[in-house]
Amino acid sequence: MAKIDELREPQALSLERLAGAADVSLWTLHQLRGELSDPRLSTVLRLCRALGVSAGELLNDLPLPVEPRQRRAQTRKGDD
């Protein structure tokens, strides 16, 4: 998601302004820029709207995961 910087800089958008425009936390932007977490689709769409780009433009360099994520174990009532 280093593409965030590439798209925001020509618009002179600071991270703080982008966070406000996209209604996401500054912490979330730092996590995404450092590629420390995977964004939710809703977060990607908010960033796209704030940057005025399509999801394809924002995600075009994002590598696909090699292995699928592990699902969290769910406990159901009565399975104790």
Protein backbone atom coordinates (compact mmCIF):
# COMPACT_ATOMS: atom_id res chain seq x y z
CA MET A 1 0.00 0.00 0.00
CA ALA A 2 2.94 2.32 -0.52
CA LYS A 3 0.84 3.47 -3.47
CA ILE A 4 -1.04 5.65 -0.96
CA ASP A 5 1.90 8.07 -0.84
CA GLU A 6 2.30 8.07 -4.61
CA LEU A 7 -1.36 9.07 -5.02
CA ARG A 8 -1.65 11.58 -2.20
CA GLU A 9 1.54 13.58 -2.75
CA PRO A 10 0.53 15.23 -6.07
CA GLN A 11 -2.65 16.36 -4.32
CA ALA A 12 -0.61 17.81 -1.41
CA LEU A 13 -2.63 15.67 1.00
CA SER A 14 -0.97 15.09 4.34
CA LEU A 15 -1.56 11.76 6.02
CA GLU A 16 -3.69 13.55 8.60
CA ARG A 17 -5.91 15.13 5.92
CA LEU A 18 -6.20 11.84 4.05
CA ALA A 19 -7.17 10.05 7.25
CA GLY A 20 -9.85 12.65 7.90
CA ALA A 21 -11.15 12.62 4.32
CA ALA A 22 -11.28 8.82 4.27
CA ASP A 23 -12.66 8.57 7.81
CA VAL A 24 -9.92 6.17 8.88
CA SER A 25 -7.48 6.52 11.73
CA LEU A 26 -3.97 7.80 11.21
CA TRP A 27 -2.76 4.59 12.89
CA THR A 28 -4.53 2.58 10.17
CA LEU A 29 -2.76 4.56 7.45
CA HIS A 30 0.61 3.98 9.10
CA GLN A 31 -0.11 0.25 9.33
CA LEU A 32 -1.10 0.09 5.66
CA ARG A 33 1.85 2.15 4.44
CA GLY A 34 4.24 -0.10 6.35
CA GLU A 35 2.41 -3.13 4.98
CA LEU A 36 1.91 -4.34 8.55
CA SER A 37 -1.73 -5.23 8.02
CA ASP A 38 -4.19 -6.06 5.26
CA PRO A 39 -6.94 -3.50 4.75
CA ARG A 40 -10.62 -4.25 4.84
CA LEU A 41 -12.49 -3.66 1.62
CA SER A 42 -14.41 -0.81 3.26
CA THR A 43 -11.12 0.89 4.16
CA VAL A 44 -9.81 0.52 0.60
CA LEU A 45 -13.00 2.03 -0.79
CA ARG A 46 -12.85 4.96 1.65
CA LEU A 47 -9.26 5.66 0.66
CA CYS A 48 -10.17 5.46 -3.02
CA ARG A 49 -12.96 8.00 -2.57
CA ALA A 50 -10.69 10.34 -0.62
CA LEU A 51 -7.92 10.07 -3.21
CA GLY A 52 -10.28 10.23 -6.20
CA VAL A 53 -9.03 6.97 -7.71
CA SER A 54 -10.43 3.55 -8.49
CA ALA A 55 -9.67 0.49 -6.41
CA GLY A 56 -7.66 -0.84 -9.35
CA GLU A 57 -5.43 2.22 -9.31
CA LEU A 58 -4.78 1.86 -5.59
CA LEU A 59 -4.28 -1.89 -5.58
CA ASN A 60 -2.59 -2.54 -8.93
CA ASP A 61 0.84 -3.29 -7.43
CA LEU A 62 -0.43 -5.25 -4.46
CA PRO A 63 0.83 -8.84 -4.57
CA LEU A 64 -1.70 -11.56 -4.01
CA PRO A 65 -1.13 -13.73 -0.95
CA VAL A 66 0.61 -17.01 -1.67
CA GLU A 67 -1.22 -18.91 1.03
CA PRO A 68 -4.80 -18.36 2.18
CA ARG A 69 -5.30 -16.90 5.61
CA GLN A 70 -6.18 -19.21 8.43
CA ARG A 71 -9.72 -18.82 9.69
CA ARG A 72 -10.28 -18.18 13.34
CA ALA A 73 -11.87 -21.02 15.21
CA GLN A 74 -15.47 -20.30 16.00
CA THR A 75 -17.13 -21.63 19.08
CA ARG A 76 -20.80 -22.33 19.08
CA LYS A 77 -23.05 -22.49 22.07
CA GLY A 78 -23.14 -26.00 23.40
CA ASP A 79 -19.71 -26.91 21.97
CA ASP A 80 -17.94 -26.34 25.28
